[in-house]
Amino acid sequence: MDRVVGFAREFGMYSMISQDLTPNKRQGAFLEYLQRMRIPVVGIVILVVLLPLAATRGGLVTADTDIYIRIFEEYDPADGLFGGHFAPAFTALSWIAKYFNLEVGGYFWIVAGVGVTLKLIGIHRCSRFFLASVLVYLSKYFLLHEFAQVRAGIASAIFLCGVPYLSARKPWRYLLSILGAAAFHPSAFLYLAAYPLGSQRWNNRQLVVCAALGASLVYLLNFNGALFAMVAQVFPKVEVYIDLLAEGQYAEINLFNVEAIIKIAIWFALCNSSSGLRARFKYFDVLFRVWTLSLIVYFAFSGVPVFAFRASELFDIVSIPLLPALLVAFKNRLIGVAAFLLVLGLFVVNFYFIQPIIL
């Protein structure tokens, strides 16, 4: 048993070295070297491994593959960046591929290179446990964002890179990061709603009260569909979701599924340990608040389940650097490691074997 506990402690604290962990005297030189070299070496190795998988999709066909192929083939560089079907920055990727006379395969390499690289940079900028966060990324968002929702994936990666600006309350830099994200996918403008969640400190009671009031307020504002109608003016696709729901296409979606229940349990576990985690994780406060917002959005917009999923996922991207906090959220480190690995396992089962991402 002692060996198991020792391994768990080693797994949780040393193999996933923190970017702000101070080495002790016995480990000094070696750990300083690892901390200095970790991102350039390990990050590049991870990029080299993941990039071919994302670019080729592992030889698999996903739900959106045909759409991206068709739109790329139809795009004419003479139409410019604003004449394409997608947002200008994403259209620029098609323009680059066409400029160099690349086929669809080369286009997917460019898209994957941007998406995976930005995601790893974002993880590095706001995660304490880099490798643990990469595992969270692989368990869910690698498949979802690099194989299917690639535009939203790039936009959310840029938001992740901008989290330090949100925490430091640097409005102009944060705004620029959101504009950059919106240039790939207009839904990124929703990230502006996260700005009030900056560096001001809230206690646990305030978080719970704000979460309950926020969900209730959105629900009341949407009485008779008024809020959805207003949102549809900015994001026309919402109206499509509403029409499809009226036809019964999304009636079978269960919002209160296993993943939602697990997220609620994780929320309470992290909230209960927030005082200690706040002292040890530089960006814990802002990550936890944004993740709370994702849960509020998820349940508040339950009237249109598919929109609730999509809007919530935009903010849920912070779960990549946040969920490794489970490793040190419990007094017994073995429980923390077990909880973290259990969450990873459930995500893998859900998104690799249950969700219809791969056709």
Protein backbone atom coordinates (compact mmCIF):
# COMPACT_ATOMS: atom_id res chain seq x y z
CA MET A 1 0.00 0.00 0.00
CA ASP A 2 2.86 2.36 0.85
CA ARG A 3 4.28 1.79 -2.63
CA VAL A 4 0.93 2.66 -4.22
CA VAL A 5 0.63 5.86 -2.21
CA GLY A 6 4.22 6.72 -3.05
CA PHE A 7 3.57 6.19 -6.75
CA ALA A 8 0.44 8.34 -6.59
CA ARG A 9 2.34 11.14 -4.90
CA GLU A 10 5.10 10.85 -7.47
CA PHE A 11 2.57 10.85 -10.31
CA GLY A 12 0.70 13.83 -8.99
CA MET A 13 3.54 16.06 -7.93
CA TYR A 14 6.72 15.23 -9.81
CA SER A 15 6.01 13.62 -13.17
CA MET A 16 3.77 16.60 -14.01
CA ILE A 17 6.14 19.29 -12.88
CA SER A 18 4.53 22.63 -12.17
CA GLN A 19 5.75 25.68 -14.00
CA ASP A 20 5.76 27.56 -10.68
CA LEU A 21 7.00 24.74 -8.40
CA THR A 22 10.18 25.65 -6.51
CA PRO A 23 12.74 22.81 -6.43
CA ASN A 24 14.22 21.87 -3.09
CA LYS A 25 17.94 21.66 -2.49
CA ARG A 26 18.26 17.96 -3.26
CA GLN A 27 16.46 18.27 -6.58
CA GLY A 28 17.68 21.78 -7.38
CA ALA A 29 19.79 21.62 -10.50
CA PHE A 30 17.94 18.75 -12.16
CA LEU A 31 14.44 20.15 -11.61
CA GLU A 32 15.54 23.64 -12.62
CA TYR A 33 16.75 22.15 -15.88
CA LEU A 34 13.46 20.31 -16.41
CA GLN A 35 11.44 23.43 -15.64
CA ARG A 36 13.53 25.46 -18.07
CA MET A 37 13.44 22.84 -20.84
CA ARG A 38 10.01 21.27 -20.26
CA ILE A 39 7.96 23.28 -22.73
CA PRO A 40 10.48 23.59 -25.58
CA VAL A 41 11.30 19.87 -25.48
CA VAL A 42 8.19 18.07 -24.22
CA GLY A 43 5.81 20.52 -25.91
CA ILE A 44 7.50 20.07 -29.29
CA VAL A 45 7.49 16.28 -28.89
CA ILE A 46 3.77 16.34 -28.11
CA LEU A 47 3.14 18.64 -31.09
CA VAL A 48 5.09 16.32 -33.41
CA VAL A 49 3.00 13.36 -32.23
CA LEU A 50 -0.42 15.04 -32.29
CA LEU A 51 -0.09 17.12 -35.46
CA PRO A 52 -0.09 14.19 -37.94
CA LEU A 53 -3.06 12.62 -36.13
CA ALA A 54 -5.04 15.86 -36.32
CA ALA A 55 -4.05 16.59 -39.93
CA THR A 56 -4.92 13.13 -41.24
CA ARG A 57 -7.69 12.52 -38.67
CA GLY A 58 -6.10 9.13 -38.17
CA GLY A 59 -7.58 8.08 -41.50
CA LEU A 60 -11.08 8.42 -40.02
CA VAL A 61 -14.07 10.36 -41.31
CA THR A 62 -15.75 12.80 -38.94
CA ALA A 63 -19.10 14.54 -39.02
CA ASP A 64 -17.75 17.78 -40.54
CA THR A 65 -15.00 16.45 -42.82
CA ASP A 66 -17.05 16.59 -46.03
CA ILE A 67 -18.19 20.14 -45.26
CA TYR A 68 -14.64 21.47 -44.90
CA ILE A 69 -13.51 19.63 -48.03
CA ARG A 70 -16.38 21.00 -50.10
CA ILE A 71 -15.97 24.59 -48.92
CA PHE A 72 -12.20 24.49 -49.44
CA GLU A 73 -12.61 23.21 -52.99
CA GLU A 74 -15.24 25.84 -53.78
CA TYR A 75 -13.19 28.73 -52.39
CA ASP A 76 -11.60 31.07 -54.94
CA PRO A 77 -8.65 33.17 -53.62
CA ALA A 78 -9.92 36.02 -55.79
CA ASP A 79 -12.88 36.31 -53.40
CA GLY A 80 -10.53 37.52 -50.67
CA LEU A 81 -10.75 36.84 -46.95
CA PHE A 82 -14.27 38.21 -46.57
CA GLY A 83 -15.70 36.41 -49.58
CA GLY A 84 -15.43 32.92 -48.17
CA HIS A 85 -18.02 30.88 -46.33
CA PHE A 86 -16.17 31.06 -42.99
CA ALA A 87 -14.84 33.88 -40.80
CA PRO A 88 -11.92 35.83 -42.38
CA ALA A 89 -9.05 34.38 -40.33
CA PHE A 90 -10.17 30.82 -41.01
CA THR A 91 -10.72 31.68 -44.67
CA ALA A 92 -7.11 32.90 -44.67
CA LEU A 93 -6.02 29.30 -44.05
CA SER A 94 -7.78 28.30 -47.28
CA TRP A 95 -6.16 31.25 -49.06
CA ILE A 96 -2.69 30.15 -47.89
CA ALA A 97 -3.29 26.59 -49.04
CA LYS A 98 -4.53 27.77 -52.44
CA TYR A 99 -1.64 30.21 -52.79
CA PHE A 100 0.86 27.36 -52.42
CA ASN A 101 -1.25 25.10 -54.69
CA LEU A 102 -1.90 22.62 -51.89
CA GLU A 103 -4.59 19.98 -52.06
CA VAL A 104 -7.12 19.22 -49.33
CA GLY A 105 -4.55 17.18 -47.43
CA GLY A 106 -2.18 20.15 -47.22
CA TYR A 107 -5.05 22.39 -46.14
CA PHE A 108 -5.84 20.06 -43.23
CA TRP A 109 -2.17 20.14 -42.19
CA ILE A 110 -2.32 23.94 -41.98
CA VAL A 111 -5.57 23.88 -39.99
CA ALA A 112 -4.25 21.21 -37.63
CA GLY A 113 -0.97 23.06 -37.17
CA VAL A 114 -2.76 26.22 -36.08
CA GLY A 115 -5.24 24.42 -33.82
CA VAL A 116 -2.88 22.07 -31.99
CA THR A 117 -0.09 24.64 -31.62
CA LEU A 118 -2.39 27.30 -30.16
CA LYS A 119 -3.96 24.77 -27.80
CA LEU A 120 -0.56 23.72 -26.42
CA ILE A 121 0.50 27.35 -26.03
CA GLY A 122 -2.74 28.11 -24.20
CA ILE A 123 -2.24 25.14 -21.88
CA HIS A 124 1.29 26.29 -21.11
CA ARG A 125 0.17 29.84 -20.35
CA CYS A 126 -2.45 29.00 -17.73
CA SER A 127 -1.88 25.44 -16.48
CA ARG A 128 0.12 24.40 -13.45
CA PHE A 129 0.36 20.75 -14.50
CA PHE A 130 1.22 20.85 -18.19
CA LEU A 131 1.24 17.11 -18.89
CA ALA A 132 -1.91 16.48 -16.85
CA SER A 133 -3.67 19.21 -18.83
CA VAL A 134 -2.51 17.62 -22.08
CA LEU A 135 -4.15 14.38 -20.89
CA VAL A 136 -7.43 16.26 -20.32
CA TYR A 137 -7.08 17.76 -23.80
CA LEU A 138 -6.54 14.32 -25.33
CA SER A 139 -9.43 12.73 -23.42
CA LYS A 140 -12.02 15.09 -24.91
CA TYR A 141 -11.10 18.19 -26.84
CA PHE A 142 -8.44 16.78 -29.14
CA LEU A 143 -11.03 14.63 -30.87
CA LEU A 144 -13.81 17.21 -30.68
CA HIS A 145 -11.81 20.27 -31.76
CA GLU A 146 -9.13 18.91 -34.07
CA PHE A 147 -11.30 16.31 -35.83
CA ALA A 148 -14.70 18.02 -36.00
CA GLN A 149 -15.30 21.54 -34.62
CA VAL A 150 -11.98 22.91 -35.86
CA ARG A 151 -13.06 26.57 -36.13
CA ALA A 152 -14.45 26.62 -32.59
CA GLY A 153 -11.33 24.72 -31.51
CA ILE A 154 -8.98 27.43 -32.78
CA ALA A 155 -11.16 30.19 -31.30
CA SER A 156 -11.23 28.51 -27.88
CA ALA A 157 -7.46 27.97 -28.02
CA ILE A 158 -6.95 31.71 -28.54
CA PHE A 159 -9.24 32.39 -25.58
CA LEU A 160 -7.14 30.00 -23.50
CA CYS A 161 -4.06 32.00 -24.47
CA GLY A 162 -5.88 35.14 -23.28
CA VAL A 163 -6.80 33.82 -19.82
CA PRO A 164 -3.79 35.55 -18.17
CA TYR A 165 -5.09 38.88 -19.53
CA LEU A 166 -8.52 38.11 -18.07
CA SER A 167 -6.99 37.31 -14.70
CA ALA A 168 -4.82 40.44 -14.70
CA ARG A 169 -7.76 42.61 -15.81
CA LYS A 170 -5.98 43.88 -18.91
CA PRO A 171 -9.04 44.83 -20.96
CA TRP A 172 -7.40 45.83 -24.23
CA ARG A 173 -5.21 42.75 -24.48
CA TYR A 174 -8.13 40.53 -23.55
CA LEU A 175 -10.31 42.28 -26.13
CA LEU A 176 -7.66 41.75 -28.80
CA SER A 177 -7.49 38.05 -27.98
CA ILE A 178 -11.28 37.77 -28.26
CA LEU A 179 -11.28 39.64 -31.57
CA GLY A 180 -8.60 37.25 -32.80
CA ALA A 181 -10.71 34.30 -31.70
CA ALA A 182 -13.84 35.77 -33.32
CA ALA A 183 -11.90 36.13 -36.58
CA PHE A 184 -11.91 32.32 -36.65
CA HIS A 185 -15.42 31.78 -35.26
CA PRO A 186 -17.94 34.55 -34.42
CA SER A 187 -19.26 32.64 -31.40
CA ALA A 188 -16.06 33.71 -29.63
CA PHE A 189 -17.74 37.04 -28.90
CA LEU A 190 -19.50 35.16 -26.10
CA TYR A 191 -16.16 35.21 -24.27
CA LEU A 192 -16.74 38.90 -23.60
CA ALA A 193 -19.26 37.75 -20.98
CA ALA A 194 -16.35 36.29 -19.01
CA TYR A 195 -14.58 39.62 -18.49
CA PRO A 196 -16.38 40.50 -15.22
CA LEU A 197 -14.97 37.25 -13.81
CA GLY A 198 -11.45 38.72 -13.61
CA SER A 199 -9.18 39.08 -10.61
CA GLN A 200 -11.69 40.13 -7.94
CA ARG A 201 -11.80 37.47 -5.21
CA TRP A 202 -15.07 35.72 -4.39
CA ASN A 203 -15.69 33.33 -1.53
CA ASN A 204 -17.45 29.99 -1.92
CA ARG A 205 -20.83 31.32 -0.80
CA GLN A 206 -20.70 34.09 -3.39
CA LEU A 207 -19.86 31.57 -6.11
CA VAL A 208 -22.82 29.35 -5.22
CA VAL A 209 -25.23 32.30 -4.95
CA CYS A 210 -24.03 33.84 -8.23
CA ALA A 211 -24.29 30.49 -10.00
CA ALA A 212 -27.87 30.00 -8.82
CA LEU A 213 -28.91 33.59 -9.55
CA GLY A 214 -27.22 33.57 -12.95
CA ALA A 215 -29.00 30.41 -14.06
CA SER A 216 -32.33 31.70 -12.73
CA LEU A 217 -31.89 35.08 -14.42
CA VAL A 218 -31.13 33.57 -17.81
CA TYR A 219 -34.08 31.20 -17.43
CA LEU A 220 -36.44 34.09 -16.61
CA LEU A 221 -35.10 36.24 -19.43
CA ASN A 222 -35.83 33.40 -21.80
CA PHE A 223 -39.50 33.26 -20.83
CA ASN A 224 -41.50 32.53 -23.99
CA GLY A 225 -38.23 32.28 -25.93
CA ALA A 226 -37.48 36.02 -25.75
CA LEU A 227 -33.78 35.59 -24.95
CA PHE A 228 -33.25 33.00 -27.67
CA ALA A 229 -34.89 35.33 -30.18
CA MET A 230 -32.50 38.10 -29.16
CA VAL A 231 -29.46 35.80 -29.33
CA ALA A 232 -30.59 34.61 -32.76
CA GLN A 233 -30.25 38.18 -34.04
CA VAL A 234 -26.51 37.98 -33.34
CA PHE A 235 -25.98 34.27 -34.03
CA PRO A 236 -28.44 33.23 -36.79
CA LYS A 237 -27.60 29.55 -36.34
CA VAL A 238 -29.50 29.62 -33.04
CA GLU A 239 -32.70 30.05 -35.03
CA VAL A 240 -31.77 26.95 -37.02
CA TYR A 241 -31.38 25.01 -33.76
CA ILE A 242 -34.80 26.23 -32.59
CA ASP A 243 -36.45 25.19 -35.87
CA LEU A 244 -34.82 21.75 -35.75
CA LEU A 245 -35.91 21.33 -32.15
CA ALA A 246 -39.48 22.17 -33.15
CA GLU A 247 -39.25 19.38 -35.72
CA GLY A 248 -38.22 16.97 -32.96
CA GLN A 249 -34.64 16.40 -34.15
CA TYR A 250 -33.05 17.15 -30.76
CA ALA A 251 -35.88 15.99 -28.51
CA GLU A 252 -33.93 12.89 -27.47
CA ILE A 253 -30.96 14.83 -26.04
CA ASN A 254 -30.65 14.34 -22.29
CA LEU A 255 -28.93 17.31 -20.64
CA PHE A 256 -28.81 15.57 -17.27
CA ASN A 257 -26.44 12.88 -18.49
CA VAL A 258 -23.51 11.20 -16.77
CA GLU A 259 -21.03 13.86 -17.90
CA ALA A 260 -23.18 16.66 -16.46
CA ILE A 261 -23.50 14.85 -13.13
CA ILE A 262 -19.73 14.29 -13.01
CA LYS A 263 -19.09 17.97 -13.71
CA ILE A 264 -21.39 18.99 -10.86
CA ALA A 265 -19.55 16.63 -8.51
CA ILE A 266 -16.19 18.04 -9.65
CA TRP A 267 -17.49 21.59 -9.16
CA PHE A 268 -18.39 20.93 -5.54
CA ALA A 269 -15.07 19.15 -4.90
CA LEU A 270 -13.06 22.07 -6.29
CA CYS A 271 -15.29 24.63 -4.57
CA ASN A 272 -14.76 22.88 -1.24
CA SER A 273 -10.97 23.03 -1.70
CA SER A 274 -10.88 26.44 -3.38
CA SER A 275 -9.05 28.24 -0.56
CA GLY A 276 -6.05 25.95 -0.73
CA LEU A 277 -6.12 25.68 -4.51
CA ARG A 278 -6.32 29.45 -4.86
CA ALA A 279 -3.08 29.79 -2.92
CA ARG A 280 -1.28 27.15 -5.02
CA PHE A 281 -2.63 27.83 -8.52
CA LYS A 282 -2.08 31.26 -10.01
CA TYR A 283 -5.09 31.17 -12.31
CA PHE A 284 -7.38 28.90 -10.29
CA ASP A 285 -9.85 31.67 -9.44
CA VAL A 286 -10.50 32.83 -12.98
CA LEU A 287 -10.51 29.30 -14.43
CA PHE A 288 -12.98 28.11 -11.82
CA ARG A 289 -15.30 31.07 -12.39
CA VAL A 290 -15.31 30.63 -16.16
CA TRP A 291 -15.99 26.92 -15.69
CA THR A 292 -18.87 27.85 -13.36
CA LEU A 293 -20.19 30.06 -16.15
CA SER A 294 -20.08 27.09 -18.53
CA LEU A 295 -22.30 25.11 -16.16
CA ILE A 296 -24.71 28.04 -15.80
CA VAL A 297 -24.98 28.38 -19.58
CA TYR A 298 -25.43 24.62 -19.95
CA PHE A 299 -28.49 24.42 -17.71
CA ALA A 300 -29.91 27.90 -18.32
CA PHE A 301 -30.26 27.28 -22.07
CA SER A 302 -31.61 23.76 -21.62
CA GLY A 303 -34.67 24.76 -23.66
CA VAL A 304 -32.53 24.33 -26.79
CA PRO A 305 -30.21 21.44 -25.86
CA VAL A 306 -27.86 21.64 -28.85
CA PHE A 307 -27.26 25.36 -28.24
CA ALA A 308 -26.71 24.64 -24.54
CA PHE A 309 -24.02 22.12 -25.49
CA ARG A 310 -22.26 24.39 -27.99
CA ALA A 311 -22.31 27.55 -25.83
CA SER A 312 -21.23 25.65 -22.73
CA GLU A 313 -18.33 24.00 -24.58
CA LEU A 314 -16.90 27.42 -25.45
CA PHE A 315 -16.37 28.16 -21.75
CA ASP A 316 -15.71 24.56 -20.77
CA ILE A 317 -12.36 24.77 -22.58
CA VAL A 318 -10.91 26.01 -19.27
CA SER A 319 -11.46 22.50 -17.91
CA ILE A 320 -8.21 21.57 -19.68
CA PRO A 321 -5.99 23.55 -17.26
CA LEU A 322 -8.50 23.37 -14.37
CA LEU A 323 -9.28 19.67 -13.90
CA PRO A 324 -5.71 18.68 -12.96
CA ALA A 325 -6.40 20.61 -9.73
CA LEU A 326 -8.16 17.40 -8.66
CA LEU A 327 -4.70 15.91 -8.16
CA VAL A 328 -4.16 18.09 -5.09
CA ALA A 329 -7.76 18.93 -4.14
CA PHE A 330 -7.97 16.18 -1.52
CA LYS A 331 -5.94 15.62 1.63
CA ASN A 332 -5.33 12.06 0.50
CA ARG A 333 -3.34 12.35 -2.71
CA LEU A 334 -4.31 8.84 -3.77
CA ILE A 335 -7.97 9.92 -3.83
CA GLY A 336 -7.04 12.94 -5.94
CA VAL A 337 -5.12 10.87 -8.48
CA ALA A 338 -7.92 8.27 -8.60
CA ALA A 339 -10.54 11.00 -9.15
CA PHE A 340 -8.49 12.59 -11.92
CA LEU A 341 -7.90 9.29 -13.72
CA LEU A 342 -11.58 8.35 -13.34
CA VAL A 343 -12.64 11.61 -14.99
CA LEU A 344 -10.17 11.05 -17.83
CA GLY A 345 -11.47 7.52 -18.34
CA LEU A 346 -15.10 8.64 -18.47
CA PHE A 347 -14.25 11.38 -20.97
CA VAL A 348 -12.43 8.90 -23.20
CA VAL A 349 -15.34 6.45 -23.14
CA ASN A 350 -17.87 9.21 -23.85
CA PHE A 351 -16.08 11.06 -26.63
CA TYR A 352 -14.23 8.20 -28.32
CA PHE A 353 -16.88 5.48 -28.14
CA ILE A 354 -20.32 7.03 -27.46
CA GLN A 355 -20.48 10.51 -29.01
CA PRO A 356 -20.97 10.42 -32.82
CA ILE A 357 -17.83 12.42 -33.67
CA ILE A 358 -16.25 9.65 -35.74
CA LEU A 359 -18.53 8.22 -38.43
